[in-house]
Amino acid sequence: MMKRTATGWLVLLGYVCLAQEEEVLGSVVNIYTELKELRSLVGELSTKLHTAEADLKEQRAMVDKLNKEREEQPKVAFSAALLSSESKHHGPIDAETNLIFGKVLTNIGSAYNPITGVFTAPVRGVYYFRFSGNGFAGHDMGLSIFKDGQRMMSVYEYQSSGEQNDHASNGVTLQLEKGEVVYMRLWINTWVFIDGRYDYCSFSGFLLFPM
């Protein structure tokens, strides 16, 4: 009887050990599976990281290129006014004449010549110009902006009776080749009023972008 009982205990113990061994083996298998999944995930993350680093490198190169282009792009801008130590009229004159804006406020790139009143394009590109004039009672005022001898844009003020002071301005965008010139002209038999303090009559321009 005791022999049978001992044998039963041994069998039971064997089953318990076998169950524990299977449980341990199952745990090992699960850990191995999880390790494989983690390795796969790490591989995917590593690939994404390398891709992100490559994209970042490309973006940095693009930024460096844009910064270099911006630094190398010519900087051109000017503003000038008709120069006078006192308030007076310029005109009327019996022929259309160039206006010389001798009071230079800004001349970055030195493309505007205050001696001749002529702007010379330093590079091929698109430029924006703006001009203004003031007319006082007595005569009409007419101004035009020219590109290489061609009239591009104008302003005109008719001085009817009773009017004392009129102001007019205009602007134009021009595509210029290197060396082309832009300047202002006063119409025949008209005048502009020059004020030494307030600079009513002005001529300005700047490079929008080279081409």
N, C-alpha and C. Protein backbone atom coordinates (compact mmCIF):
# COMPACT_ATOMS: atom_id res chain seq x y z
N MET A 1 0.83 -1.20 0.00
CA MET A 1 0.00 0.00 0.00
C MET A 1 0.87 1.26 0.00
N MET A 2 1.87 1.25 0.85
CA MET A 2 2.74 2.39 0.96
C MET A 2 3.55 2.57 -0.33
N LYS A 3 3.86 1.40 -0.97
CA LYS A 3 4.62 1.47 -2.23
C LYS A 3 3.79 2.14 -3.30
N ARG A 4 2.49 1.76 -3.35
CA ARG A 4 1.62 2.39 -4.34
C ARG A 4 1.48 3.89 -4.09
N THR A 5 1.37 4.26 -2.83
CA THR A 5 1.23 5.69 -2.48
C THR A 5 2.46 6.47 -2.90
N ALA A 6 3.60 5.91 -2.64
CA ALA A 6 4.86 6.59 -3.03
C ALA A 6 4.95 6.76 -4.53
N THR A 7 4.52 5.66 -5.21
CA THR A 7 4.56 5.73 -6.68
C THR A 7 3.62 6.82 -7.19
N GLY A 8 2.48 6.94 -6.54
CA GLY A 8 1.52 7.98 -6.95
C GLY A 8 2.07 9.37 -6.74
N TRP A 9 2.74 9.50 -5.61
CA TRP A 9 3.35 10.81 -5.36
C TRP A 9 4.43 11.15 -6.39
N LEU A 10 5.16 10.14 -6.73
CA LEU A 10 6.21 10.37 -7.73
C LEU A 10 5.63 10.76 -9.08
N VAL A 11 4.56 10.07 -9.45
CA VAL A 11 3.89 10.41 -10.71
C VAL A 11 3.34 11.82 -10.68
N LEU A 12 2.71 12.14 -9.54
CA LEU A 12 2.15 13.49 -9.39
C LEU A 12 3.24 14.54 -9.45
N LEU A 13 4.34 14.24 -8.78
CA LEU A 13 5.47 15.18 -8.79
C LEU A 13 6.02 15.35 -10.20
N GLY A 14 6.03 14.24 -10.96
CA GLY A 14 6.49 14.31 -12.34
C GLY A 14 5.61 15.19 -13.19
N TYR A 15 4.29 15.02 -13.01
CA TYR A 15 3.36 15.89 -13.75
C TYR A 15 3.57 17.37 -13.41
N VAL A 16 3.77 17.63 -12.10
CA VAL A 16 3.97 19.03 -11.66
C VAL A 16 5.24 19.60 -12.29
N CYS A 17 6.29 18.79 -12.25
CA CYS A 17 7.56 19.27 -12.84
C CYS A 17 7.42 19.50 -14.35
N LEU A 18 6.70 18.56 -15.00
CA LEU A 18 6.51 18.70 -16.44
C LEU A 18 5.71 19.96 -16.78
N ALA A 19 4.68 20.22 -15.94
CA ALA A 19 3.87 21.42 -16.16
C ALA A 19 4.70 22.68 -15.96
N GLN A 20 5.53 22.67 -14.91
CA GLN A 20 6.36 23.84 -14.65
C GLN A 20 7.37 24.05 -15.78
N GLU A 21 7.91 22.89 -16.28
CA GLU A 21 8.88 22.99 -17.38
C GLU A 21 8.22 23.56 -18.63
N GLU A 22 7.00 23.12 -18.93
CA GLU A 22 6.28 23.64 -20.08
C GLU A 22 5.99 25.13 -19.91
N GLU A 23 5.65 25.51 -18.67
CA GLU A 23 5.38 26.94 -18.40
C GLU A 23 6.63 27.78 -18.60
N VAL A 24 7.76 27.23 -18.11
CA VAL A 24 9.02 27.96 -18.27
C VAL A 24 9.39 28.06 -19.75
N LEU A 25 9.25 26.93 -20.46
CA LEU A 25 9.55 26.95 -21.89
C LEU A 25 8.63 27.91 -22.64
N GLY A 26 7.36 27.95 -22.26
CA GLY A 26 6.42 28.89 -22.88
C GLY A 26 6.84 30.33 -22.64
N SER A 27 7.29 30.61 -21.42
CA SER A 27 7.74 31.98 -21.11
C SER A 27 8.96 32.36 -21.94
N VAL A 28 9.87 31.37 -22.10
CA VAL A 28 11.07 31.64 -22.90
C VAL A 28 10.69 31.93 -24.34
N VAL A 29 9.76 31.14 -24.86
CA VAL A 29 9.31 31.35 -26.22
C VAL A 29 8.67 32.73 -26.37
N ASN A 30 7.84 33.13 -25.41
CA ASN A 30 7.20 34.46 -25.45
C ASN A 30 8.22 35.58 -25.42
N ILE A 31 9.24 35.42 -24.57
CA ILE A 31 10.28 36.44 -24.48
C ILE A 31 11.03 36.53 -25.81
N TYR A 32 11.32 35.38 -26.41
CA TYR A 32 12.02 35.35 -27.68
C TYR A 32 11.20 36.05 -28.77
N THR A 33 9.90 35.77 -28.77
CA THR A 33 9.01 36.41 -29.74
C THR A 33 8.99 37.92 -29.55
N GLU A 34 8.89 38.34 -28.29
CA GLU A 34 8.88 39.78 -28.00
C GLU A 34 10.19 40.43 -28.39
N LEU A 35 11.31 39.71 -28.17
CA LEU A 35 12.61 40.25 -28.57
C LEU A 35 12.68 40.44 -30.08
N LYS A 36 12.15 39.46 -30.84
CA LYS A 36 12.12 39.59 -32.29
C LYS A 36 11.29 40.80 -32.71
N GLU A 37 10.14 40.97 -32.03
CA GLU A 37 9.28 42.12 -32.37
C GLU A 37 9.98 43.43 -32.03
N LEU A 38 10.68 43.47 -30.90
CA LEU A 38 11.40 44.68 -30.51
C LEU A 38 12.53 44.99 -31.50
N ARG A 39 13.24 43.93 -31.91
CA ARG A 39 14.30 44.13 -32.89
C ARG A 39 13.74 44.68 -34.21
N SER A 40 12.60 44.15 -34.62
CA SER A 40 11.96 44.64 -35.84
C SER A 40 11.56 46.09 -35.69
N LEU A 41 11.00 46.43 -34.52
CA LEU A 41 10.59 47.82 -34.27
C LEU A 41 11.79 48.75 -34.25
N VAL A 42 12.88 48.30 -33.61
CA VAL A 42 14.10 49.11 -33.58
C VAL A 42 14.62 49.33 -34.99
N GLY A 43 14.55 48.29 -35.81
CA GLY A 43 15.00 48.42 -37.20
C GLY A 43 14.17 49.44 -37.96
N GLU A 44 12.85 49.39 -37.78
CA GLU A 44 11.98 50.35 -38.44
C GLU A 44 12.29 51.78 -37.98
N LEU A 45 12.45 51.94 -36.65
CA LEU A 45 12.75 53.27 -36.11
C LEU A 45 14.10 53.77 -36.61
N SER A 46 15.07 52.85 -36.72
CA SER A 46 16.39 53.24 -37.22
C SER A 46 16.30 53.70 -38.67
N THR A 47 15.50 52.99 -39.47
CA THR A 47 15.32 53.39 -40.87
C THR A 47 14.67 54.76 -40.97
N LYS A 48 13.63 54.97 -40.16
CA LYS A 48 12.95 56.27 -40.16
C LYS A 48 13.89 57.37 -39.70
N LEU A 49 14.74 57.07 -38.72
CA LEU A 49 15.70 58.07 -38.23
C LEU A 49 16.69 58.45 -39.32
N HIS A 50 17.20 57.44 -40.03
CA HIS A 50 18.14 57.73 -41.13
C HIS A 50 17.45 58.56 -42.22
N THR A 51 16.19 58.24 -42.51
CA THR A 51 15.44 59.02 -43.51
C THR A 51 15.25 60.46 -43.05
N ALA A 52 14.89 60.63 -41.77
CA ALA A 52 14.70 61.97 -41.22
C ALA A 52 16.01 62.75 -41.25
N GLU A 53 17.12 62.09 -40.93
CA GLU A 53 18.42 62.76 -40.95
C GLU A 53 18.78 63.18 -42.38
N ALA A 54 18.47 62.32 -43.35
CA ALA A 54 18.75 62.66 -44.75
C ALA A 54 17.90 63.85 -45.20
N ASP A 55 16.61 63.85 -44.79
CA ASP A 55 15.73 64.97 -45.14
C ASP A 55 16.22 66.26 -44.50
N LEU A 56 16.64 66.17 -43.23
CA LEU A 56 17.14 67.35 -42.53
C LEU A 56 18.40 67.88 -43.20
N LYS A 57 19.28 66.98 -43.61
CA LYS A 57 20.50 67.39 -44.30
C LYS A 57 20.18 68.09 -45.61
N GLU A 58 19.18 67.55 -46.35
CA GLU A 58 18.78 68.16 -47.61
C GLU A 58 18.17 69.54 -47.38
N GLN A 59 17.34 69.67 -46.33
CA GLN A 59 16.73 70.96 -46.03
C GLN A 59 17.78 71.98 -45.61
N ARG A 60 18.76 71.55 -44.83
CA ARG A 60 19.84 72.46 -44.43
C ARG A 60 20.63 72.93 -45.64
N ALA A 61 20.87 72.02 -46.58
CA ALA A 61 21.59 72.40 -47.80
C ALA A 61 20.77 73.40 -48.60
N MET A 62 19.45 73.21 -48.64
CA MET A 62 18.59 74.14 -49.37
C MET A 62 18.59 75.52 -48.71
N VAL A 63 18.52 75.53 -47.38
CA VAL A 63 18.56 76.81 -46.65
C VAL A 63 19.88 77.52 -46.88
N ASP A 64 20.98 76.77 -46.84
CA ASP A 64 22.30 77.37 -47.08
C ASP A 64 22.37 77.95 -48.50
N LYS A 65 21.79 77.24 -49.46
CA LYS A 65 21.79 77.72 -50.85
C LYS A 65 20.99 79.01 -50.98
N LEU A 66 19.79 79.03 -50.34
CA LEU A 66 18.96 80.23 -50.40
C LEU A 66 19.64 81.41 -49.72
N ASN A 67 20.30 81.16 -48.58
CA ASN A 67 21.01 82.23 -47.88
C ASN A 67 22.15 82.76 -48.74
N LYS A 68 22.85 81.86 -49.42
CA LYS A 68 23.95 82.28 -50.29
C LYS A 68 23.43 83.11 -51.45
N GLU A 69 22.31 82.66 -52.06
CA GLU A 69 21.72 83.41 -53.17
C GLU A 69 21.25 84.78 -52.69
N ARG A 70 20.68 84.82 -51.48
CA ARG A 70 20.21 86.11 -50.95
C ARG A 70 21.38 87.05 -50.71
N GLU A 71 22.49 86.51 -50.20
CA GLU A 71 23.66 87.35 -49.95
C GLU A 71 24.28 87.83 -51.26
N GLU A 72 24.25 86.98 -52.28
CA GLU A 72 24.86 87.35 -53.56
C GLU A 72 23.96 88.22 -54.42
N GLN A 73 22.64 88.25 -54.12
CA GLN A 73 21.72 89.06 -54.91
C GLN A 73 22.04 90.54 -54.74
N PRO A 74 22.14 91.27 -55.84
CA PRO A 74 22.46 92.70 -55.74
C PRO A 74 21.36 93.46 -55.00
N LYS A 75 21.78 94.42 -54.22
CA LYS A 75 20.84 95.24 -53.45
C LYS A 75 20.81 96.63 -54.07
N VAL A 76 19.64 97.01 -54.58
CA VAL A 76 19.49 98.27 -55.30
C VAL A 76 18.24 98.98 -54.81
N ALA A 77 18.40 100.20 -54.31
CA ALA A 77 17.25 101.01 -53.88
C ALA A 77 17.70 102.46 -53.77
N PHE A 78 16.82 103.37 -54.18
CA PHE A 78 17.15 104.79 -54.06
C PHE A 78 15.88 105.61 -53.85
N SER A 79 16.05 106.76 -53.23
CA SER A 79 15.02 107.78 -53.11
C SER A 79 15.69 109.14 -53.17
N ALA A 80 15.12 110.03 -53.97
CA ALA A 80 15.70 111.36 -54.12
C ALA A 80 14.58 112.39 -54.30
N ALA A 81 14.90 113.63 -54.01
CA ALA A 81 13.94 114.72 -54.14
C ALA A 81 14.59 115.87 -54.90
N LEU A 82 13.73 116.74 -55.49
CA LEU A 82 14.26 117.94 -56.15
C LEU A 82 14.91 118.83 -55.10
N LEU A 83 16.10 119.28 -55.41
CA LEU A 83 16.91 120.01 -54.45
C LEU A 83 16.74 121.51 -54.61
N SER A 84 16.49 122.19 -53.49
CA SER A 84 16.39 123.66 -53.49
C SER A 84 16.56 124.16 -52.06
N SER A 85 17.27 125.23 -51.93
CA SER A 85 17.45 125.83 -50.60
C SER A 85 16.28 126.74 -50.23
N GLU A 86 15.39 126.98 -51.20
CA GLU A 86 14.23 127.83 -50.95
C GLU A 86 13.03 127.28 -51.73
N SER A 87 11.84 127.69 -51.33
CA SER A 87 10.63 127.26 -52.03
C SER A 87 10.49 128.06 -53.32
N LYS A 88 10.32 127.33 -54.44
CA LYS A 88 10.22 128.01 -55.73
C LYS A 88 9.61 127.07 -56.75
N HIS A 89 9.30 127.63 -57.93
CA HIS A 89 8.81 126.83 -59.05
C HIS A 89 9.95 126.46 -59.98
N HIS A 90 9.82 125.27 -60.58
CA HIS A 90 10.74 124.89 -61.64
C HIS A 90 9.92 124.82 -62.93
N GLY A 91 10.17 125.76 -63.86
CA GLY A 91 9.36 125.89 -65.06
C GLY A 91 8.50 127.15 -64.96
N PRO A 92 7.61 127.38 -65.93
CA PRO A 92 7.43 126.57 -67.15
C PRO A 92 8.56 126.78 -68.15
N ILE A 93 8.79 125.73 -68.96
CA ILE A 93 9.85 125.75 -69.97
C ILE A 93 9.21 125.37 -71.30
N ASP A 94 9.69 125.99 -72.38
CA ASP A 94 9.07 125.78 -73.69
C ASP A 94 9.54 124.48 -74.37
N ALA A 95 10.13 123.58 -73.61
CA ALA A 95 10.53 122.27 -74.14
C ALA A 95 10.50 121.26 -73.00
N GLU A 96 10.21 120.02 -73.33
CA GLU A 96 10.22 118.99 -72.29
C GLU A 96 11.65 118.78 -71.80
N THR A 97 11.84 118.77 -70.48
CA THR A 97 13.20 118.74 -69.92
C THR A 97 13.31 117.64 -68.85
N ASN A 98 14.53 117.14 -68.70
CA ASN A 98 14.80 116.15 -67.66
C ASN A 98 14.77 116.81 -66.29
N LEU A 99 14.27 116.08 -65.32
CA LEU A 99 14.29 116.55 -63.94
C LEU A 99 15.45 115.88 -63.20
N ILE A 100 16.20 116.68 -62.48
CA ILE A 100 17.34 116.15 -61.72
C ILE A 100 17.01 116.22 -60.24
N PHE A 101 16.83 115.07 -59.65
CA PHE A 101 16.52 114.98 -58.22
C PHE A 101 17.84 114.91 -57.46
N GLY A 102 18.30 116.08 -57.04
CA GLY A 102 19.65 116.19 -56.48
C GLY A 102 19.76 115.91 -55.00
N LYS A 103 18.64 115.87 -54.29
CA LYS A 103 18.69 115.60 -52.84
C LYS A 103 18.50 114.09 -52.64
N VAL A 104 19.59 113.39 -52.43
CA VAL A 104 19.54 111.93 -52.30
C VAL A 104 19.28 111.54 -50.85
N LEU A 105 18.24 110.75 -50.66
CA LEU A 105 17.91 110.25 -49.33
C LEU A 105 18.47 108.84 -49.13
N THR A 106 18.40 108.03 -50.17
CA THR A 106 18.93 106.67 -50.14
C THR A 106 19.45 106.34 -51.53
N ASN A 107 20.61 105.66 -51.58
CA ASN A 107 21.15 105.26 -52.89
C ASN A 107 21.99 103.99 -52.71
N ILE A 108 21.34 102.92 -52.28
CA ILE A 108 22.02 101.65 -52.08
C ILE A 108 22.34 101.03 -53.44
N GLY A 109 23.59 100.75 -53.64
CA GLY A 109 24.03 100.22 -54.93
C GLY A 109 24.51 101.29 -55.89
N SER A 110 24.27 102.56 -55.56
CA SER A 110 24.74 103.71 -56.36
C SER A 110 24.31 103.63 -57.82
N ALA A 111 23.11 103.11 -58.07
CA ALA A 111 22.62 103.03 -59.44
C ALA A 111 21.99 104.34 -59.91
N TYR A 112 21.62 105.21 -58.95
CA TYR A 112 21.04 106.52 -59.31
C TYR A 112 22.14 107.57 -59.29
N ASN A 113 22.15 108.41 -60.35
CA ASN A 113 23.14 109.47 -60.46
C ASN A 113 22.47 110.81 -60.15
N PRO A 114 22.78 111.44 -59.01
CA PRO A 114 22.14 112.71 -58.65
C PRO A 114 22.62 113.89 -59.49
N ILE A 115 23.65 113.69 -60.28
CA ILE A 115 24.15 114.77 -61.15
C ILE A 115 23.32 114.83 -62.43
N THR A 116 22.97 113.69 -62.96
CA THR A 116 22.21 113.63 -64.21
C THR A 116 20.73 113.33 -63.99
N GLY A 117 20.38 112.82 -62.81
CA GLY A 117 19.00 112.43 -62.55
C GLY A 117 18.61 111.12 -63.19
N VAL A 118 19.60 110.33 -63.61
CA VAL A 118 19.34 109.09 -64.36
C VAL A 118 19.65 107.88 -63.49
N PHE A 119 18.73 106.90 -63.52
CA PHE A 119 18.95 105.60 -62.89
C PHE A 119 19.40 104.61 -63.96
N THR A 120 20.49 103.91 -63.71
CA THR A 120 21.01 102.91 -64.65
C THR A 120 20.93 101.53 -64.01
N ALA A 121 20.24 100.61 -64.66
CA ALA A 121 20.05 99.28 -64.10
C ALA A 121 21.39 98.55 -64.01
N PRO A 122 21.80 98.14 -62.81
CA PRO A 122 23.09 97.44 -62.67
C PRO A 122 23.01 95.97 -63.09
N VAL A 123 21.79 95.39 -63.05
CA VAL A 123 21.61 93.99 -63.45
C VAL A 123 20.27 93.86 -64.18
N ARG A 124 20.16 92.81 -64.96
CA ARG A 124 18.89 92.49 -65.61
C ARG A 124 17.88 92.06 -64.54
N GLY A 125 16.70 92.67 -64.54
CA GLY A 125 15.73 92.32 -63.52
C GLY A 125 14.46 93.14 -63.62
N VAL A 126 13.61 92.96 -62.62
CA VAL A 126 12.34 93.69 -62.54
C VAL A 126 12.46 94.73 -61.42
N TYR A 127 12.14 95.97 -61.76
CA TYR A 127 12.30 97.10 -60.84
C TYR A 127 10.95 97.79 -60.64
N TYR A 128 10.83 98.41 -59.48
CA TYR A 128 9.63 99.23 -59.22
C TYR A 128 10.07 100.68 -59.00
N PHE A 129 9.35 101.61 -59.65
CA PHE A 129 9.65 103.04 -59.53
C PHE A 129 8.39 103.79 -59.10
N ARG A 130 8.61 104.84 -58.34
CA ARG A 130 7.51 105.71 -57.93
C ARG A 130 7.98 107.16 -57.98
N PHE A 131 7.06 108.05 -58.38
CA PHE A 131 7.41 109.46 -58.48
C PHE A 131 6.21 110.31 -58.07
N SER A 132 6.51 111.54 -57.66
CA SER A 132 5.44 112.45 -57.22
C SER A 132 5.83 113.88 -57.56
N GLY A 133 4.82 114.73 -57.68
CA GLY A 133 5.06 116.14 -57.96
C GLY A 133 3.99 117.01 -57.33
N ASN A 134 4.35 118.25 -57.10
CA ASN A 134 3.43 119.21 -56.51
C ASN A 134 3.30 120.41 -57.43
N GLY A 135 2.04 120.80 -57.69
CA GLY A 135 1.80 121.95 -58.55
C GLY A 135 1.08 123.06 -57.80
N PHE A 136 1.52 124.30 -57.98
CA PHE A 136 0.90 125.44 -57.31
C PHE A 136 0.10 126.24 -58.34
N ALA A 137 -0.78 127.07 -57.87
CA ALA A 137 -1.67 127.82 -58.76
C ALA A 137 -0.87 128.62 -59.80
N GLY A 138 -1.40 128.64 -61.02
CA GLY A 138 -0.80 129.46 -62.06
C GLY A 138 -0.49 128.68 -63.33
N HIS A 139 0.00 127.45 -63.19
CA HIS A 139 0.33 126.65 -64.35
C HIS A 139 -0.01 125.18 -64.10
N ASP A 140 -0.19 124.44 -65.19
CA ASP A 140 -0.42 122.99 -65.08
C ASP A 140 0.89 122.30 -64.69
N MET A 141 0.76 121.08 -64.19
CA MET A 141 1.92 120.27 -63.87
C MET A 141 1.81 118.94 -64.63
N GLY A 142 2.87 118.55 -65.35
CA GLY A 142 2.90 117.27 -66.04
C GLY A 142 4.26 116.61 -65.88
N LEU A 143 4.26 115.36 -65.41
CA LEU A 143 5.51 114.61 -65.21
C LEU A 143 5.39 113.26 -65.90
N SER A 144 6.49 112.77 -66.45
CA SER A 144 6.53 111.45 -67.06
C SER A 144 7.81 110.73 -66.67
N ILE A 145 7.70 109.41 -66.55
CA ILE A 145 8.88 108.59 -66.32
C ILE A 145 9.23 107.89 -67.64
N PHE A 146 10.51 107.90 -67.99
CA PHE A 146 10.99 107.36 -69.26
C PHE A 146 11.91 106.18 -69.04
N LYS A 147 11.84 105.24 -69.97
CA LYS A 147 12.79 104.12 -70.02
C LYS A 147 13.46 104.15 -71.38
N ASP A 148 14.75 104.48 -71.37
CA ASP A 148 15.51 104.54 -72.63
C ASP A 148 14.80 105.33 -73.72
N GLY A 149 14.30 106.52 -73.37
CA GLY A 149 13.66 107.39 -74.35
C GLY A 149 12.20 107.11 -74.60
N GLN A 150 11.65 106.10 -73.96
CA GLN A 150 10.23 105.76 -74.15
C GLN A 150 9.43 106.17 -72.92
N ARG A 151 8.38 106.94 -73.16
CA ARG A 151 7.51 107.38 -72.06
C ARG A 151 6.73 106.17 -71.53
N MET A 152 6.81 105.93 -70.22
CA MET A 152 6.19 104.74 -69.64
C MET A 152 4.95 105.07 -68.80
N MET A 153 4.99 106.14 -68.03
CA MET A 153 3.88 106.48 -67.14
C MET A 153 3.93 107.98 -66.85
N SER A 154 2.75 108.59 -66.57
CA SER A 154 2.71 110.04 -66.37
C SER A 154 1.71 110.42 -65.28
N VAL A 155 1.83 111.66 -64.84
CA VAL A 155 0.80 112.31 -64.01
C VAL A 155 0.58 113.72 -64.57
N TYR A 156 -0.64 114.21 -64.38
CA TYR A 156 -0.95 115.55 -64.88
C TYR A 156 -1.96 116.21 -63.95
N GLU A 157 -1.68 117.48 -63.64
CA GLU A 157 -2.61 118.27 -62.82
C GLU A 157 -2.95 119.55 -63.58
N TYR A 158 -4.25 119.75 -63.77
CA TYR A 158 -4.73 120.95 -64.45
C TYR A 158 -5.08 122.00 -63.41
N GLN A 159 -4.43 123.17 -63.54
CA GLN A 159 -4.64 124.23 -62.55
C GLN A 159 -5.79 125.13 -63.00
N SER A 160 -7.00 124.81 -62.58
CA SER A 160 -8.15 125.67 -62.88
C SER A 160 -8.18 126.81 -61.87
N SER A 161 -8.99 127.81 -62.17
CA SER A 161 -9.07 128.99 -61.30
C SER A 161 -9.57 128.61 -59.92
N GLY A 162 -8.98 129.20 -58.91
CA GLY A 162 -9.40 128.96 -57.53
C GLY A 162 -8.61 127.88 -56.83
N GLU A 163 -7.93 127.00 -57.56
CA GLU A 163 -7.13 125.97 -56.91
C GLU A 163 -5.76 126.53 -56.57
N GLN A 164 -5.25 126.12 -55.42
CA GLN A 164 -3.98 126.65 -54.95
C GLN A 164 -2.85 125.61 -54.93
N ASN A 165 -3.18 124.39 -54.57
CA ASN A 165 -2.12 123.41 -54.34
C ASN A 165 -2.61 122.01 -54.70
N ASP A 166 -1.95 121.35 -55.64
CA ASP A 166 -2.31 119.99 -56.05
C ASP A 166 -1.09 119.09 -56.01
N HIS A 167 -1.34 117.83 -55.67
CA HIS A 167 -0.26 116.86 -55.59
C HIS A 167 -0.65 115.62 -56.39
N ALA A 168 0.30 115.02 -57.09
CA ALA A 168 0.02 113.83 -57.89
C ALA A 168 1.20 112.87 -57.79
N SER A 169 0.90 111.58 -57.86
CA SER A 169 1.96 110.57 -57.83
C SER A 169 1.54 109.36 -58.66
N ASN A 170 2.51 108.56 -59.03
CA ASN A 170 2.24 107.37 -59.81
C ASN A 170 3.41 106.40 -59.64
N GLY A 171 3.22 105.16 -60.09
CA GLY A 171 4.27 104.16 -59.98
C GLY A 171 4.20 103.18 -61.13
N VAL A 172 5.30 102.48 -61.38
CA VAL A 172 5.34 101.54 -62.49
C VAL A 172 6.38 100.45 -62.19
N THR A 173 6.08 99.24 -62.64
CA THR A 173 7.02 98.12 -62.57
C THR A 173 7.60 97.89 -63.95
N LEU A 174 8.94 97.89 -64.05
CA LEU A 174 9.61 97.78 -65.35
C LEU A 174 10.62 96.64 -65.34
N GLN A 175 10.64 95.90 -66.44
CA GLN A 175 11.69 94.91 -66.65
C GLN A 175 12.81 95.60 -67.42
N LEU A 176 13.99 95.59 -66.83
CA LEU A 176 15.12 96.29 -67.43
C LEU A 176 16.27 95.34 -67.71
N GLU A 177 16.93 95.60 -68.83
CA GLU A 177 18.19 94.93 -69.11
C GLU A 177 19.32 95.70 -68.42
N LYS A 178 20.41 95.03 -68.17
CA LYS A 178 21.55 95.70 -67.57
C LYS A 178 21.99 96.87 -68.45
N GLY A 179 22.12 98.05 -67.84
CA GLY A 179 22.55 99.23 -68.58
C GLY A 179 21.43 100.12 -69.07
N GLU A 180 20.18 99.64 -69.05
CA GLU A 180 19.06 100.48 -69.46
C GLU A 180 18.84 101.58 -68.41
N VAL A 181 18.33 102.73 -68.87
CA VAL A 181 18.22 103.89 -67.98
C VAL A 181 16.75 104.29 -67.80
N VAL A 182 16.49 104.87 -66.64
CA VAL A 182 15.16 105.37 -66.28
C VAL A 182 15.34 106.76 -65.70
N TYR A 183 14.47 107.70 -66.12
CA TYR A 183 14.60 109.08 -65.64
C TYR A 183 13.24 109.77 -65.74
N MET A 184 13.15 110.96 -65.16
CA MET A 184 11.92 111.75 -65.13
C MET A 184 12.05 112.98 -66.02
N ARG A 185 10.90 113.39 -66.62
CA ARG A 185 10.89 114.60 -67.44
C ARG A 185 9.67 115.45 -67.08
N LEU A 186 9.88 116.77 -67.15
CA LEU A 186 8.82 117.75 -66.96
C LEU A 186 8.22 118.11 -68.31
N TRP A 187 6.89 118.11 -68.39
CA TRP A 187 6.23 118.39 -69.66
C TRP A 187 6.49 119.83 -70.12
N ILE A 188 6.32 120.04 -71.39
CA ILE A 188 6.47 121.38 -71.96
C ILE A 188 5.42 122.33 -71.38
N ASN A 189 5.84 123.55 -71.06
CA ASN A 189 4.97 124.62 -70.55
C ASN A 189 4.23 124.22 -69.27
N THR A 190 4.87 123.40 -68.44
CA THR A 190 4.31 123.10 -67.11
C THR A 190 5.39 123.37 -66.07
N TRP A 191 5.00 123.31 -64.80
CA TRP A 191 5.98 123.51 -63.74
C TRP A 191 5.68 122.60 -62.56
N VAL A 192 6.69 122.51 -61.67
CA VAL A 192 6.51 121.83 -60.38
C VAL A 192 6.97 122.78 -59.29
N PHE A 193 6.36 122.61 -58.14
CA PHE A 193 6.71 123.45 -56.99
C PHE A 193 7.70 122.69 -56.12
N ILE A 194 8.85 123.32 -55.86
CA ILE A 194 9.91 122.72 -55.05
C ILE A 194 9.92 123.37 -53.68
N ASP A 195 9.72 122.57 -52.66
CA ASP A 195 9.79 123.07 -51.29
C ASP A 195 11.04 122.51 -50.63
N GLY A 196 11.89 123.39 -50.14
CA GLY A 196 13.16 122.97 -49.58
C GLY A 196 13.06 122.17 -48.30
N ARG A 197 11.89 122.20 -47.65
CA ARG A 197 11.75 121.49 -46.37
C ARG A 197 10.99 120.18 -46.49
N TYR A 198 9.94 120.13 -47.30
CA TYR A 198 9.03 118.98 -47.27
C TYR A 198 9.22 117.99 -48.42
N ASP A 199 10.01 118.36 -49.41
CA ASP A 199 10.34 117.43 -50.51
C ASP A 199 9.10 116.82 -51.15
N TYR A 200 8.24 117.68 -51.69
CA TYR A 200 7.01 117.20 -52.34
C TYR A 200 7.30 116.41 -53.63
N CYS A 201 8.35 116.79 -54.33
CA CYS A 201 8.65 116.16 -55.63
C CYS A 201 9.76 115.12 -55.43
N SER A 202 9.43 113.85 -55.67
CA SER A 202 10.38 112.78 -55.37
C SER A 202 10.42 111.75 -56.49
N PHE A 203 11.50 110.98 -56.48
CA PHE A 203 11.73 109.92 -57.46
C PHE A 203 12.40 108.77 -56.71
N SER A 204 11.79 107.58 -56.74
CA SER A 204 12.30 106.44 -55.98
C SER A 204 12.22 105.17 -56.81
N GLY A 205 13.03 104.20 -56.48
CA GLY A 205 12.98 102.92 -57.17
C GLY A 205 13.80 101.87 -56.44
N PHE A 206 13.51 100.62 -56.72
CA PHE A 206 14.28 99.53 -56.12
C PHE A 206 14.11 98.25 -56.96
N LEU A 207 15.08 97.38 -56.82
CA LEU A 207 15.07 96.09 -57.52
C LEU A 207 14.13 95.12 -56.79
N LEU A 208 13.15 94.59 -57.53
CA LEU A 208 12.28 93.57 -56.95
C LEU A 208 12.98 92.22 -56.96
N PHE A 209 13.50 91.81 -58.12
CA PHE A 209 14.26 90.57 -58.20
C PHE A 209 15.04 90.55 -59.51
N PRO A 210 16.23 89.95 -59.51
CA PRO A 210 17.02 89.83 -60.75
C PRO A 210 16.45 88.71 -61.61
N MET A 211 16.82 88.71 -62.90
CA MET A 211 16.36 87.69 -63.83
C MET A 211 17.55 87.12 -64.63
